[in-house]
């Protein structure tokens, strides 16, 4: 049961990091932080803002999948009692 609770925490953090990464990518792409090339080199390891956004979406989707699995695990555990 501890693993289900830990998985929920990890899933929440993955979604939070994913959404933050997407927002950072959009913010950089809009040019609010300065020239995108310079900002990308300073704050990320990605060569383009599109790749930053893609990575953020990937993290968010993995977090959603983990969260779904954790909820299923907790529901099965409660149903078996």
N, C-alpha and C. Protein backbone atom coordinates (compact mmCIF):
# COMPACT_ATOMS: atom_id res chain seq x y z
N UNK A 1 0.82 -1.18 0.00
CA UNK A 1 0.00 0.00 0.00
C UNK A 1 0.87 1.26 0.00
N UNK A 2 2.03 1.17 0.59
CA UNK A 2 2.93 2.33 0.61
C UNK A 2 3.37 2.70 -0.80
N UNK A 3 3.50 1.70 -1.67
CA UNK A 3 3.93 1.98 -3.04
C UNK A 3 2.86 2.73 -3.81
N UNK A 4 1.61 2.43 -3.55
CA UNK A 4 0.52 3.15 -4.21
C UNK A 4 0.52 4.62 -3.81
N UNK A 5 0.76 4.88 -2.53
CA UNK A 5 0.80 6.26 -2.07
C UNK A 5 2.03 6.99 -2.62
N UNK A 6 3.16 6.32 -2.65
CA UNK A 6 4.36 6.94 -3.23
C UNK A 6 4.19 7.20 -4.72
N UNK A 7 3.52 6.28 -5.41
CA UNK A 7 3.28 6.46 -6.83
C UNK A 7 2.38 7.66 -7.08
N UNK A 8 1.42 7.88 -6.21
CA UNK A 8 0.56 9.06 -6.36
C UNK A 8 1.37 10.34 -6.21
N UNK A 9 2.31 10.35 -5.28
CA UNK A 9 3.15 11.54 -5.08
C UNK A 9 4.05 11.77 -6.29
N UNK A 10 4.67 10.70 -6.78
CA UNK A 10 5.54 10.81 -7.95
C UNK A 10 4.73 11.26 -9.16
N UNK A 11 3.52 10.74 -9.31
CA UNK A 11 2.66 11.13 -10.44
C UNK A 11 2.31 12.62 -10.36
N UNK A 12 1.98 13.08 -9.17
CA UNK A 12 1.66 14.50 -9.00
C UNK A 12 2.85 15.38 -9.35
N UNK A 13 4.03 14.99 -8.89
CA UNK A 13 5.23 15.76 -9.20
C UNK A 13 5.56 15.74 -10.68
N UNK A 14 5.35 14.59 -11.34
CA UNK A 14 5.61 14.51 -12.78
C UNK A 14 4.67 15.42 -13.56
N UNK A 15 3.40 15.44 -13.18
CA UNK A 15 2.45 16.33 -13.86
C UNK A 15 2.83 17.78 -13.60
N UNK A 16 3.19 18.10 -12.38
CA UNK A 16 3.57 19.47 -12.04
C UNK A 16 4.81 19.92 -12.82
N UNK A 17 5.82 19.06 -12.90
CA UNK A 17 7.03 19.39 -13.64
C UNK A 17 6.72 19.49 -15.14
N UNK A 18 5.87 18.60 -15.64
CA UNK A 18 5.51 18.63 -17.05
C UNK A 18 4.79 19.92 -17.43
N UNK A 19 3.83 20.32 -16.63
CA UNK A 19 3.10 21.55 -16.92
C UNK A 19 4.04 22.75 -16.81
N UNK A 20 4.90 22.75 -15.82
CA UNK A 20 5.87 23.83 -15.69
C UNK A 20 6.82 23.92 -16.86
N UNK A 21 7.23 22.77 -17.38
CA UNK A 21 8.13 22.74 -18.53
C UNK A 21 7.43 23.26 -19.79
N UNK A 22 6.17 22.87 -19.96
CA UNK A 22 5.40 23.37 -21.11
C UNK A 22 5.26 24.88 -21.01
N UNK A 23 4.90 25.38 -19.84
CA UNK A 23 4.76 26.82 -19.66
C UNK A 23 6.07 27.55 -19.90
N UNK A 24 7.18 26.97 -19.44
CA UNK A 24 8.49 27.57 -19.68
C UNK A 24 8.80 27.61 -21.18
N UNK A 25 8.50 26.52 -21.88
CA UNK A 25 8.74 26.48 -23.32
C UNK A 25 7.94 27.51 -24.08
N UNK A 26 6.68 27.68 -23.70
CA UNK A 26 5.83 28.68 -24.36
C UNK A 26 6.32 30.08 -24.03
N UNK A 27 6.69 30.30 -22.78
CA UNK A 27 7.20 31.61 -22.35
C UNK A 27 8.46 31.98 -23.13
N UNK A 28 9.35 31.02 -23.29
CA UNK A 28 10.58 31.28 -24.04
C UNK A 28 10.26 31.49 -25.52
N UNK A 29 9.35 30.69 -26.06
CA UNK A 29 9.01 30.80 -27.48
C UNK A 29 8.38 32.14 -27.82
N UNK A 30 7.62 32.71 -26.88
CA UNK A 30 6.98 34.00 -27.13
C UNK A 30 7.98 35.15 -27.08
N UNK A 31 9.15 34.90 -26.55
CA UNK A 31 10.20 35.91 -26.52
C UNK A 31 10.13 36.85 -25.33
N UNK A 32 9.34 36.54 -24.32
CA UNK A 32 9.23 37.42 -23.16
C UNK A 32 10.51 37.45 -22.33
N UNK A 33 11.27 36.38 -22.32
CA UNK A 33 12.46 36.29 -21.49
C UNK A 33 13.71 36.78 -22.20
N UNK A 34 13.57 37.15 -23.45
CA UNK A 34 14.72 37.59 -24.24
C UNK A 34 14.80 36.76 -25.51
N UNK A 35 15.89 36.87 -26.23
CA UNK A 35 16.06 36.08 -27.45
C UNK A 35 16.01 34.58 -27.14
N UNK A 36 15.13 33.83 -27.81
CA UNK A 36 14.96 32.41 -27.48
C UNK A 36 16.25 31.59 -27.54
N UNK A 37 17.13 31.89 -28.48
CA UNK A 37 18.36 31.12 -28.58
C UNK A 37 19.24 31.27 -27.33
N UNK A 38 19.36 32.48 -26.86
CA UNK A 38 20.18 32.72 -25.67
C UNK A 38 19.54 32.12 -24.42
N UNK A 39 18.24 32.28 -24.30
CA UNK A 39 17.54 31.76 -23.12
C UNK A 39 17.59 30.24 -23.10
N UNK A 40 17.42 29.62 -24.26
CA UNK A 40 17.48 28.15 -24.34
C UNK A 40 18.85 27.63 -23.91
N UNK A 41 19.90 28.28 -24.38
CA UNK A 41 21.24 27.83 -24.02
C UNK A 41 21.51 28.00 -22.53
N UNK A 42 20.90 29.03 -21.93
CA UNK A 42 21.18 29.30 -20.52
C UNK A 42 20.38 28.40 -19.58
N UNK A 43 19.10 28.15 -19.89
CA UNK A 43 18.23 27.47 -18.94
C UNK A 43 17.84 26.05 -19.30
N UNK A 44 18.09 25.61 -20.50
CA UNK A 44 17.71 24.24 -20.89
C UNK A 44 18.87 23.56 -21.62
N UNK A 45 18.69 22.28 -21.87
CA UNK A 45 19.65 21.54 -22.68
C UNK A 45 19.09 21.24 -24.06
N UNK A 46 17.89 21.74 -24.35
CA UNK A 46 17.24 21.49 -25.64
C UNK A 46 17.62 22.57 -26.64
N UNK A 47 17.75 22.19 -27.91
CA UNK A 47 18.12 23.19 -28.92
C UNK A 47 16.95 24.05 -29.40
N UNK A 48 15.70 23.58 -29.23
CA UNK A 48 14.55 24.37 -29.70
C UNK A 48 13.46 24.40 -28.62
N UNK A 49 12.60 25.41 -28.72
CA UNK A 49 11.50 25.51 -27.76
C UNK A 49 10.47 24.40 -27.99
N UNK A 50 10.35 23.94 -29.21
CA UNK A 50 9.43 22.84 -29.49
C UNK A 50 9.81 21.58 -28.74
N UNK A 51 11.09 21.31 -28.63
CA UNK A 51 11.53 20.13 -27.89
C UNK A 51 11.31 20.30 -26.39
N UNK A 52 11.41 21.52 -25.90
CA UNK A 52 11.12 21.77 -24.48
C UNK A 52 9.65 21.49 -24.20
N UNK A 53 8.78 21.97 -25.08
CA UNK A 53 7.34 21.75 -24.92
C UNK A 53 7.01 20.26 -25.04
N UNK A 54 7.62 19.59 -26.00
CA UNK A 54 7.38 18.15 -26.16
C UNK A 54 7.77 17.36 -24.92
N UNK A 55 8.91 17.70 -24.34
CA UNK A 55 9.36 17.00 -23.14
C UNK A 55 8.41 17.25 -21.98
N UNK A 56 7.90 18.46 -21.87
CA UNK A 56 6.94 18.76 -20.82
C UNK A 56 5.64 17.99 -20.99
N UNK A 57 5.16 17.88 -22.22
CA UNK A 57 3.95 17.10 -22.49
C UNK A 57 4.19 15.64 -22.15
N UNK A 58 5.36 15.14 -22.50
CA UNK A 58 5.71 13.75 -22.19
C UNK A 58 5.68 13.51 -20.68
N UNK A 59 6.29 14.40 -19.91
CA UNK A 59 6.30 14.25 -18.45
C UNK A 59 4.88 14.27 -17.90
N UNK A 60 4.05 15.19 -18.39
CA UNK A 60 2.68 15.29 -17.90
C UNK A 60 1.89 14.02 -18.22
N UNK A 61 2.06 13.47 -19.41
CA UNK A 61 1.34 12.25 -19.78
C UNK A 61 1.81 11.05 -18.96
N UNK A 62 3.10 10.96 -18.72
CA UNK A 62 3.62 9.87 -17.88
C UNK A 62 3.08 10.02 -16.45
N UNK A 63 3.00 11.23 -15.96
CA UNK A 63 2.44 11.47 -14.63
C UNK A 63 0.97 11.08 -14.55
N UNK A 64 0.21 11.41 -15.60
CA UNK A 64 -1.19 11.01 -15.63
C UNK A 64 -1.34 9.49 -15.65
N UNK A 65 -0.50 8.82 -16.42
CA UNK A 65 -0.56 7.36 -16.47
C UNK A 65 -0.21 6.75 -15.12
N UNK A 66 0.83 7.27 -14.48
CA UNK A 66 1.20 6.76 -13.15
C UNK A 66 0.09 7.02 -12.13
N UNK A 67 -0.51 8.18 -12.20
CA UNK A 67 -1.59 8.50 -11.29
C UNK A 67 -2.78 7.59 -11.48
N UNK A 68 -3.09 7.28 -12.74
CA UNK A 68 -4.18 6.36 -13.02
C UNK A 68 -3.88 4.97 -12.47
N UNK A 69 -2.67 4.50 -12.68
CA UNK A 69 -2.30 3.19 -12.14
C UNK A 69 -2.34 3.16 -10.62
N UNK A 70 -1.92 4.24 -10.00
CA UNK A 70 -1.96 4.30 -8.53
C UNK A 70 -3.39 4.27 -8.03
N UNK A 71 -4.28 4.99 -8.69
CA UNK A 71 -5.68 4.99 -8.28
C UNK A 71 -6.32 3.62 -8.47
N UNK A 72 -5.97 2.95 -9.56
CA UNK A 72 -6.48 1.59 -9.78
C UNK A 72 -5.97 0.66 -8.68
N UNK A 73 -4.71 0.78 -8.34
CA UNK A 73 -4.14 -0.05 -7.28
C UNK A 73 -4.82 0.18 -5.94
N UNK A 74 -5.08 1.43 -5.62
CA UNK A 74 -5.75 1.72 -4.36
C UNK A 74 -7.19 1.22 -4.37
N UNK A 75 -7.88 1.34 -5.51
CA UNK A 75 -9.26 0.86 -5.61
C UNK A 75 -9.33 -0.65 -5.48
N UNK A 76 -8.38 -1.36 -6.08
CA UNK A 76 -8.34 -2.82 -5.98
C UNK A 76 -8.06 -3.23 -4.53
N UNK A 77 -7.16 -2.52 -3.89
CA UNK A 77 -6.82 -2.83 -2.51
C UNK A 77 -8.03 -2.65 -1.60
N UNK A 78 -8.78 -1.55 -1.80
CA UNK A 78 -9.97 -1.29 -0.97
C UNK A 78 -11.07 -2.30 -1.27
N UNK A 79 -11.17 -2.72 -2.52
CA UNK A 79 -12.21 -3.69 -2.90
C UNK A 79 -11.96 -5.09 -2.38
N UNK A 80 -10.70 -5.42 -2.12
CA UNK A 80 -10.38 -6.78 -1.68
C UNK A 80 -10.51 -6.97 -0.17
N UNK A 81 -10.77 -5.91 0.56
CA UNK A 81 -10.91 -6.02 2.03
C UNK A 81 -12.23 -6.54 2.43
